[in-house]
Structure formats: structure tokens, C-alpha cells
């Protein structure tokens, strides 16, 4: 099973969210051998899309010769596209957003109606790909935080997609919080195992993973320096 992991955090492996992602992949690997390609997006040369649409007219050739060529090849070769990122302004960090602005070469200008919305007709076959998003934020709960990122993820990938959103994620990088973060990472590992076996995560398990690890006011007080 080939997984392309796009790490959108500028902190690379030190990202709070990568603790969750590593646990998820460990669980997957217990169920099925994995071949994981990790891309730290911050390290890649990705020009901003200029909206010239040349790629959508000429069979997918972008006017920019940068790292996106290889990334697009990796996307088409993977079985699972895994997005891992912290919430920035209720969405993706800028480098990851710039990457997804540049996936236009996979589509043509032609469009078709899908349900009650329209979508571009693909220039490549990516029907075999499943999509996974793991996102964390520094607030005490998920209320009115993750909705924009989740909605964008759903619109970009209308089928074969699953997502995990976790509040209080900075705790995963705090060794003193291990008594509460270790059990949560164990749940994420189990979610990875389930996903590898069935392509789904049990709803009750997912709800527990996405819930606060400690009381919201206690967490907020810690973040605020105990004042």
C-alpha cells in the first residue's frame, strides 16, 4: 500500500500533528505493510499558480518547471493521499494551499455536473486514490474551528475520504502531558489499524479521538500561563 504523506507544517517532523500522523501510520502498518513517501511541503520549490490555465488546455503541462512535477507523479502513484497539518487561520498553512492550487494539471477545462454541483473532468485517472486528513489546532475544543478546513477537504475530495480533527494538539509535543496524550495516541493507532483493514474508522472511536483530552477551562488556563 503506497501512501503519500503531505506534511503541511513548517515545523516538519516536530509538528504537533505529526505525533498523531505517526501513530496513525503505525496502526496501519500493523494491519498491512506500507510504503510511505513523506513530503515536507515547506522544503519544496512550488511556485504560486497564476491561473493561466495552460495546463488544462495542453494535456497537463504546467508552465512552471518546479517540484510540483514530481509531486503530481507521486500523487497519481499513491493509494492513499494523507494530509497532515495544523490549523492556520481556519485552513491549511500557506505552503500546502499553494501545492493544492497547483493540482490543476490533473483536470481539464471541461466540466460536468456531479449531483448538484459542477466539477472539472480529469486529465488523469485518480479514481484509485483514497484521501485522509489529520488536522490539529491549539484551541480547547473543535467548535467553530475546523469547519472551513473540513469543508474544503470534502469539496476537493468528494469520495473516498476520511478526516480526523484534534483540539489541544500542542499537548502532543509536551512530555509532561504524556499521561493523557499517550492513551489518545493509542486510540489514533487503533484508528489507523481499522482504516487499513476496512477503509473506515469506527464512529465512536473517531468521536473519542476528536474530543478534548483535558477539561477545556483547565487547558485554556495552562495555555494562558495559569493566570
C-alpha atoms as a PDB file:
ATOM      1  CA  UNK A   1       0.000   0.000   0.000  1.00  0.00           C
ATOM      2  CA  UNK A   2       1.563   3.268  -1.135  1.00  0.00           C
ATOM      3  CA  UNK A   3       0.943   6.354   0.965  1.00  0.00           C
ATOM      4  CA  UNK A   4       1.944   9.874   0.023  1.00  0.00           C
ATOM      5  CA  UNK A   5       2.135  11.940   3.197  1.00  0.00           C
ATOM      6  CA  UNK A   6       1.981  15.693   2.622  1.00  0.00           C
ATOM      7  CA  UNK A   7       3.126  17.337   5.833  1.00  0.00           C
ATOM      8  CA  UNK A   8       1.886  20.925   5.692  1.00  0.00           C
ATOM      9  CA  UNK A   9       3.522  22.054   8.932  1.00  0.00           C
ATOM     10  CA  UNK A  10       6.536  24.378   8.666  1.00  0.00           C
ATOM     11  CA  UNK A  11       7.878  22.523  11.726  1.00  0.00           C
ATOM     12  CA  UNK A  12       8.385  19.382   9.634  1.00  0.00           C
ATOM     13  CA  UNK A  13       8.814  16.301  11.879  1.00  0.00           C
ATOM     14  CA  UNK A  14       8.493  18.447  15.007  1.00  0.00           C
ATOM     15  CA  UNK A  15       4.902  19.317  14.143  1.00  0.00           C
ATOM     16  CA  UNK A  16       2.394  18.648  16.935  1.00  0.00           C
ATOM     17  CA  UNK A  17       0.111  16.979  14.390  1.00  0.00           C
ATOM     18  CA  UNK A  18       2.842  14.632  13.184  1.00  0.00           C
ATOM     19  CA  UNK A  19       2.630  12.804  16.523  1.00  0.00           C
ATOM     20  CA  UNK A  20      -0.923  11.874  15.543  1.00  0.00           C
ATOM     21  CA  UNK A  21       0.056  11.047  11.970  1.00  0.00           C
ATOM     22  CA  UNK A  22       2.905   8.767  13.025  1.00  0.00           C
ATOM     23  CA  UNK A  23       0.597   6.916  15.435  1.00  0.00           C
ATOM     24  CA  UNK A  24      -1.984   6.511  12.672  1.00  0.00           C
ATOM     25  CA  UNK A  25       0.607   5.099  10.274  1.00  0.00           C
ATOM     26  CA  UNK A  26       1.939   2.742  12.944  1.00  0.00           C
ATOM     27  CA  UNK A  27      -1.555   1.323  13.335  1.00  0.00           C
ATOM     28  CA  UNK A  28      -1.945   0.985   9.588  1.00  0.00           C
ATOM     29  CA  UNK A  29       1.408  -0.746   9.275  1.00  0.00           C
ATOM     30  CA  UNK A  30       0.366  -3.361  11.831  1.00  0.00           C
ATOM     31  CA  UNK A  31      -2.520  -4.342   9.565  1.00  0.00           C
ATOM     32  CA  UNK A  32      -0.834  -4.002   6.174  1.00  0.00           C
ATOM     33  CA  UNK A  33       2.743  -3.292   5.063  1.00  0.00           C
ATOM     34  CA  UNK A  34       3.131   0.321   3.998  1.00  0.00           C
ATOM     35  CA  UNK A  35       5.338   2.199   1.580  1.00  0.00           C
ATOM     36  CA  UNK A  36       5.302   5.798   2.806  1.00  0.00           C
ATOM     37  CA  UNK A  37       6.702   8.787   0.926  1.00  0.00           C
ATOM     38  CA  UNK A  38       6.831  11.861   3.164  1.00  0.00           C
ATOM     39  CA  UNK A  39       6.901  15.335   1.650  1.00  0.00           C
ATOM     40  CA  UNK A  40       7.612  18.269   3.953  1.00  0.00           C
ATOM     41  CA  UNK A  41       5.906  20.843   1.784  1.00  0.00           C
ATOM     42  CA  UNK A  42       7.842  23.772   3.298  1.00  0.00           C
ATOM     43  CA  UNK A  43      11.045  22.340   1.782  1.00  0.00           C
ATOM     44  CA  UNK A  44       9.708  22.150  -1.773  1.00  0.00           C
ATOM     45  CA  UNK A  45      10.007  24.746  -4.524  1.00  0.00           C
ATOM     46  CA  UNK A  46       6.392  25.340  -5.514  1.00  0.00           C
ATOM     47  CA  UNK A  47       5.559  28.458  -7.479  1.00  0.00           C
ATOM     48  CA  UNK A  48       2.187  30.098  -6.954  1.00  0.00           C
ATOM     49  CA  UNK A  49      -0.459  29.212  -9.537  1.00  0.00           C
ATOM     50  CA  UNK A  50      -1.083  32.209 -11.814  1.00  0.00           C
ATOM     51  CA  UNK A  51      -4.386  30.948 -13.193  1.00  0.00           C
ATOM     52  CA  UNK A  52      -3.145  30.905 -16.792  1.00  0.00           C
ATOM     53  CA  UNK A  53      -4.888  27.509 -17.298  1.00  0.00           C
ATOM     54  CA  UNK A  54      -2.235  26.433 -19.842  1.00  0.00           C
ATOM     55  CA  UNK A  55      -2.059  23.044 -18.107  1.00  0.00           C
ATOM     56  CA  UNK A  56      -5.787  22.489 -18.583  1.00  0.00           C
ATOM     57  CA  UNK A  57      -5.523  23.041 -22.340  1.00  0.00           C
ATOM     58  CA  UNK A  58      -2.294  21.229 -23.224  1.00  0.00           C
ATOM     59  CA  UNK A  59      -2.659  17.834 -21.567  1.00  0.00           C
ATOM     60  CA  UNK A  60      -1.406  18.747 -18.106  1.00  0.00           C
ATOM     61  CA  UNK A  61       1.877  20.564 -18.763  1.00  0.00           C
ATOM     62  CA  UNK A  62       2.397  23.424 -16.297  1.00  0.00           C
ATOM     63  CA  UNK A  63       4.377  26.493 -17.366  1.00  0.00           C
ATOM     64  CA  UNK A  64       6.463  26.200 -14.185  1.00  0.00           C
ATOM     65  CA  UNK A  65       9.268  23.640 -14.011  1.00  0.00           C
ATOM     66  CA  UNK A  66       9.498  23.134 -10.262  1.00  0.00           C
ATOM     67  CA  UNK A  67       8.953  20.425  -7.632  1.00  0.00           C
ATOM     68  CA  UNK A  68       5.235  20.112  -8.417  1.00  0.00           C
ATOM     69  CA  UNK A  69       6.024  17.899 -11.406  1.00  0.00           C
ATOM     70  CA  UNK A  70       7.377  15.172  -9.134  1.00  0.00           C
ATOM     71  CA  UNK A  71       4.656  15.690  -6.529  1.00  0.00           C
ATOM     72  CA  UNK A  72       1.929  15.224  -9.133  1.00  0.00           C
ATOM     73  CA  UNK A  73       3.601  11.999 -10.242  1.00  0.00           C
ATOM     74  CA  UNK A  74       3.674  10.796  -6.623  1.00  0.00           C
ATOM     75  CA  UNK A  75       0.010  11.691  -6.144  1.00  0.00           C
ATOM     76  CA  UNK A  76      -1.031   9.602  -9.145  1.00  0.00           C
ATOM     77  CA  UNK A  77       1.154   6.691  -7.998  1.00  0.00           C
ATOM     78  CA  UNK A  78      -0.165   6.515  -4.419  1.00  0.00           C
ATOM     79  CA  UNK A  79      -3.062   4.526  -2.997  1.00  0.00           C
ATOM     80  CA  UNK A  80      -3.707   6.957  -0.142  1.00  0.00           C
ATOM     81  CA  UNK A  81      -3.060  10.690  -0.123  1.00  0.00           C
ATOM     82  CA  UNK A  82      -2.583  11.690   3.518  1.00  0.00           C
ATOM     83  CA  UNK A  83      -2.688  15.367   4.516  1.00  0.00           C
ATOM     84  CA  UNK A  84      -1.197  16.253   7.900  1.00  0.00           C
ATOM     85  CA  UNK A  85      -1.300  19.873   9.018  1.00  0.00           C
ATOM     86  CA  UNK A  86      -2.022  22.285  11.876  1.00  0.00           C
ATOM     87  CA  UNK A  87      -4.919  24.685  11.509  1.00  0.00           C
ATOM     88  CA  UNK A  88      -3.785  28.100  10.242  1.00  0.00           C
ATOM     89  CA  UNK A  89      -6.464  30.816  10.059  1.00  0.00           C
ATOM     90  CA  UNK A  90      -9.104  28.053   9.980  1.00  0.00           C
ATOM     91  CA  UNK A  91      -7.489  26.357   6.992  1.00  0.00           C
ATOM     92  CA  UNK A  92      -4.285  24.909   5.552  1.00  0.00           C
ATOM     93  CA  UNK A  93      -0.873  26.507   6.080  1.00  0.00           C
ATOM     94  CA  UNK A  94       0.076  28.603   3.040  1.00  0.00           C
ATOM     95  CA  UNK A  95       2.675  26.183   1.555  1.00  0.00           C
ATOM     96  CA  UNK A  96       0.145  23.336   1.470  1.00  0.00           C
ATOM     97  CA  UNK A  97      -2.533  25.590  -0.018  1.00  0.00           C
ATOM     98  CA  UNK A  98      -0.067  26.656  -2.715  1.00  0.00           C
ATOM     99  CA  UNK A  99       0.527  22.983  -3.506  1.00  0.00           C
ATOM    100  CA  UNK A 100      -3.172  22.251  -3.989  1.00  0.00           C
ATOM    101  CA  UNK A 101      -3.594  25.356  -6.127  1.00  0.00           C
ATOM    102  CA  UNK A 102      -1.125  23.652  -8.463  1.00  0.00           C
ATOM    103  CA  UNK A 103      -3.002  20.364  -8.982  1.00  0.00           C
ATOM    104  CA  UNK A 104      -4.861  21.918 -11.944  1.00  0.00           C
ATOM    105  CA  UNK A 105      -2.793  19.822 -14.409  1.00  0.00           C
ATOM    106  CA  UNK A 106      -4.828  16.820 -13.251  1.00  0.00           C
ATOM    107  CA  UNK A 107      -8.005  18.463 -14.605  1.00  0.00           C
ATOM    108  CA  UNK A 108      -9.216  19.813 -17.934  1.00  0.00           C
ATOM    109  CA  UNK A 109     -11.261  22.916 -18.689  1.00  0.00           C
ATOM    110  CA  UNK A 110     -14.244  20.690 -19.463  1.00  0.00           C
ATOM    111  CA  UNK A 111     -16.743  20.386 -16.646  1.00  0.00           C
ATOM    112  CA  UNK A 112     -19.534  18.027 -15.747  1.00  0.00           C
ATOM    113  CA  UNK A 113     -22.397  18.071 -13.277  1.00  0.00           C
ATOM    114  CA  UNK A 114     -21.908  15.839 -10.256  1.00  0.00           C
ATOM    115  CA  UNK A 115     -25.021  15.776  -8.126  1.00  0.00           C
ATOM    116  CA  UNK A 116     -25.995  19.414  -7.639  1.00  0.00           C
ATOM    117  CA  UNK A 117     -22.547  20.864  -8.327  1.00  0.00           C
ATOM    118  CA  UNK A 118     -20.091  21.037 -11.212  1.00  0.00           C
ATOM    119  CA  UNK A 119     -16.566  19.615 -11.330  1.00  0.00           C
ATOM    120  CA  UNK A 120     -13.767  19.638 -13.875  1.00  0.00           C
ATOM    121  CA  UNK A 121     -13.254  16.490 -15.950  1.00  0.00           C
ATOM    122  CA  UNK A 122      -9.945  14.879 -15.090  1.00  0.00           C
ATOM    123  CA  UNK A 123      -6.984  14.616 -17.450  1.00  0.00           C
ATOM    124  CA  UNK A 124      -5.606  11.751 -15.341  1.00  0.00           C
ATOM    125  CA  UNK A 125      -7.079   8.724 -13.623  1.00  0.00           C
ATOM    126  CA  UNK A 126      -7.018   9.159  -9.846  1.00  0.00           C
ATOM    127  CA  UNK A 127     -10.092   7.045  -9.080  1.00  0.00           C
ATOM    128  CA  UNK A 128      -7.918   4.549  -7.189  1.00  0.00           C
ATOM    129  CA  UNK A 129      -6.829   7.094  -4.564  1.00  0.00           C
ATOM    130  CA  UNK A 130      -8.312   7.390  -1.077  1.00  0.00           C
ATOM    131  CA  UNK A 131      -7.874  10.598   0.887  1.00  0.00           C
ATOM    132  CA  UNK A 132      -7.092  11.101   4.571  1.00  0.00           C
ATOM    133  CA  UNK A 133      -6.747  14.345   6.532  1.00  0.00           C
ATOM    134  CA  UNK A 134      -5.298  14.661  10.034  1.00  0.00           C
ATOM    135  CA  UNK A 135      -5.543  18.184  11.414  1.00  0.00           C
ATOM    136  CA  UNK A 136      -4.917  19.641  14.840  1.00  0.00           C
ATOM    137  CA  UNK A 137      -5.481  23.001  16.493  1.00  0.00           C
ATOM    138  CA  UNK A 138      -4.390  24.729  19.674  1.00  0.00           C
ATOM    139  CA  UNK A 139      -7.832  25.601  20.975  1.00  0.00           C
ATOM    140  CA  UNK A 140      -9.534  23.616  23.782  1.00  0.00           C
ATOM    141  CA  UNK A 141     -12.329  22.250  21.575  1.00  0.00           C
ATOM    142  CA  UNK A 142     -13.396  21.823  17.965  1.00  0.00           C
ATOM    143  CA  UNK A 143     -16.342  24.212  17.968  1.00  0.00           C
ATOM    144  CA  UNK A 144     -16.217  26.757  15.128  1.00  0.00           C
ATOM    145  CA  UNK A 145     -12.578  25.928  14.371  1.00  0.00           C
ATOM    146  CA  UNK A 146     -12.193  23.030  11.933  1.00  0.00           C
ATOM    147  CA  UNK A 147     -15.313  23.579   9.827  1.00  0.00           C
ATOM    148  CA  UNK A 148     -13.672  25.576   6.969  1.00  0.00           C
ATOM    149  CA  UNK A 149     -10.782  23.109   6.599  1.00  0.00           C
ATOM    150  CA  UNK A 150     -13.129  20.120   6.709  1.00  0.00           C
ATOM    151  CA  UNK A 151     -15.484  21.637   4.137  1.00  0.00           C
ATOM    152  CA  UNK A 152     -12.608  22.424   1.784  1.00  0.00           C
ATOM    153  CA  UNK A 153     -11.313  18.859   2.163  1.00  0.00           C
ATOM    154  CA  UNK A 154     -14.764  17.458   1.353  1.00  0.00           C
ATOM    155  CA  UNK A 155     -15.108  19.637  -1.725  1.00  0.00           C
ATOM    156  CA  UNK A 156     -11.641  18.805  -3.016  1.00  0.00           C
ATOM    157  CA  UNK A 157     -12.142  15.087  -2.432  1.00  0.00           C
ATOM    158  CA  UNK A 158     -15.873  14.238  -2.681  1.00  0.00           C
ATOM    159  CA  UNK A 159     -15.319  10.472  -2.443  1.00  0.00           C
ATOM    160  CA  UNK A 160     -13.121   8.009  -0.571  1.00  0.00           C
ATOM    161  CA  UNK A 161     -12.211  10.481   2.145  1.00  0.00           C
ATOM    162  CA  UNK A 162     -11.841  10.357   5.920  1.00  0.00           C
ATOM    163  CA  UNK A 163     -10.657  13.011   8.354  1.00  0.00           C
ATOM    164  CA  UNK A 164      -9.522  13.353  11.959  1.00  0.00           C
ATOM    165  CA  UNK A 165      -9.560  16.743  13.716  1.00  0.00           C
ATOM    166  CA  UNK A 166      -7.988  17.026  17.164  1.00  0.00           C
ATOM    167  CA  UNK A 167      -8.090  20.027  19.533  1.00  0.00           C
ATOM    168  CA  UNK A 168      -5.411  20.688  22.189  1.00  0.00           C
ATOM    169  CA  UNK A 169      -2.807  19.276  19.788  1.00  0.00           C
ATOM    170  CA  UNK A 170       0.196  21.194  21.250  1.00  0.00           C
ATOM    171  CA  UNK A 171      -0.038  18.789  24.184  1.00  0.00           C
ATOM    172  CA  UNK A 172       1.383  16.010  21.992  1.00  0.00           C
ATOM    173  CA  UNK A 173       4.736  17.835  21.943  1.00  0.00           C
ATOM    174  CA  UNK A 174       4.774  18.315  25.729  1.00  0.00           C
ATOM    175  CA  UNK A 175       6.466  15.395  27.548  1.00  0.00           C
ATOM    176  CA  UNK A 176       4.755  16.381  30.813  1.00  0.00           C
ATOM    177  CA  UNK A 177       1.372  15.692  29.195  1.00  0.00           C
ATOM    178  CA  UNK A 178       2.207  12.065  28.342  1.00  0.00           C
ATOM    179  CA  UNK A 179      -0.289  10.682  30.880  1.00  0.00           C
ATOM    180  CA  UNK A 180      -3.146  11.999  28.727  1.00  0.00           C
ATOM    181  CA  UNK A 181      -1.555  12.102  25.272  1.00  0.00           C
ATOM    182  CA  UNK A 182      -0.233   8.514  25.278  1.00  0.00           C
ATOM    183  CA  UNK A 183      -3.731   6.974  25.629  1.00  0.00           C
ATOM    184  CA  UNK A 184      -5.033   9.286  22.886  1.00  0.00           C
ATOM    185  CA  UNK A 185      -2.206   8.258  20.557  1.00  0.00           C
ATOM    186  CA  UNK A 186      -3.150   4.663  21.300  1.00  0.00           C
ATOM    187  CA  UNK A 187      -6.660   5.400  20.046  1.00  0.00           C
ATOM    188  CA  UNK A 188      -5.244   7.019  16.914  1.00  0.00           C
ATOM    189  CA  UNK A 189      -3.094   3.944  16.336  1.00  0.00           C
ATOM    190  CA  UNK A 190      -6.206   1.777  16.564  1.00  0.00           C
ATOM    191  CA  UNK A 191      -7.939   4.086  14.101  1.00  0.00           C
ATOM    192  CA  UNK A 192      -5.067   3.542  11.686  1.00  0.00           C
ATOM    193  CA  UNK A 193      -5.383  -0.220  12.067  1.00  0.00           C
ATOM    194  CA  UNK A 194      -9.127  -0.064  11.377  1.00  0.00           C
ATOM    195  CA  UNK A 195      -8.599   2.194   8.378  1.00  0.00           C
ATOM    196  CA  UNK A 196      -6.031  -0.154   6.854  1.00  0.00           C
ATOM    197  CA  UNK A 197      -8.358  -3.126   7.260  1.00  0.00           C
ATOM    198  CA  UNK A 198     -11.690  -1.601   6.229  1.00  0.00           C
ATOM    199  CA  UNK A 199     -11.080   1.869   4.794  1.00  0.00           C
ATOM    200  CA  UNK A 200     -13.180   3.282   7.624  1.00  0.00           C
ATOM    201  CA  UNK A 201     -12.889   4.307  11.289  1.00  0.00           C
ATOM    202  CA  UNK A 202     -15.496   3.363  13.869  1.00  0.00           C
ATOM    203  CA  UNK A 203     -17.687   6.392  14.559  1.00  0.00           C
ATOM    204  CA  UNK A 204     -17.468   6.072  18.350  1.00  0.00           C
ATOM    205  CA  UNK A 205     -13.676   5.782  18.196  1.00  0.00           C
ATOM    206  CA  UNK A 206     -13.425   8.797  15.901  1.00  0.00           C
ATOM    207  CA  UNK A 207     -15.611  10.858  18.235  1.00  0.00           C
ATOM    208  CA  UNK A 208     -13.378   9.999  21.195  1.00  0.00           C
ATOM    209  CA  UNK A 209     -10.213  10.861  19.283  1.00  0.00           C
ATOM    210  CA  UNK A 210     -11.609  14.255  18.277  1.00  0.00           C
ATOM    211  CA  UNK A 211     -12.704  15.203  21.794  1.00  0.00           C
ATOM    212  CA  UNK A 212     -10.658  17.317  24.265  1.00  0.00           C
ATOM    213  CA  UNK A 213      -8.112  15.346  26.308  1.00  0.00           C
ATOM    214  CA  UNK A 214      -8.470  17.519  29.420  1.00  0.00           C
ATOM    215  CA  UNK A 215     -11.143  19.924  30.599  1.00  0.00           C
ATOM    216  CA  UNK A 216     -11.392  22.920  28.311  1.00  0.00           C
ATOM    217  CA  UNK A 217     -11.002  25.524  31.052  1.00  0.00           C
ATOM    218  CA  UNK A 218      -8.020  23.665  32.534  1.00  0.00           C
ATOM    219  CA  UNK A 219      -6.292  23.593  29.137  1.00  0.00           C
ATOM    220  CA  UNK A 220      -7.042  27.287  28.499  1.00  0.00           C
ATOM    221  CA  UNK A 221      -5.666  28.157  31.937  1.00  0.00           C
ATOM    222  CA  UNK A 222      -2.429  26.255  31.188  1.00  0.00           C
ATOM    223  CA  UNK A 223      -2.020  27.968  27.832  1.00  0.00           C
ATOM    224  CA  UNK A 224      -2.660  31.347  29.478  1.00  0.00           C
ATOM    225  CA  UNK A 225       0.124  30.705  31.968  1.00  0.00           C
ATOM    226  CA  UNK A 226      -2.118  29.844  34.854  1.00  0.00           C
ATOM    227  CA  UNK A 227      -3.479  33.370  35.121  1.00  0.00           C
END
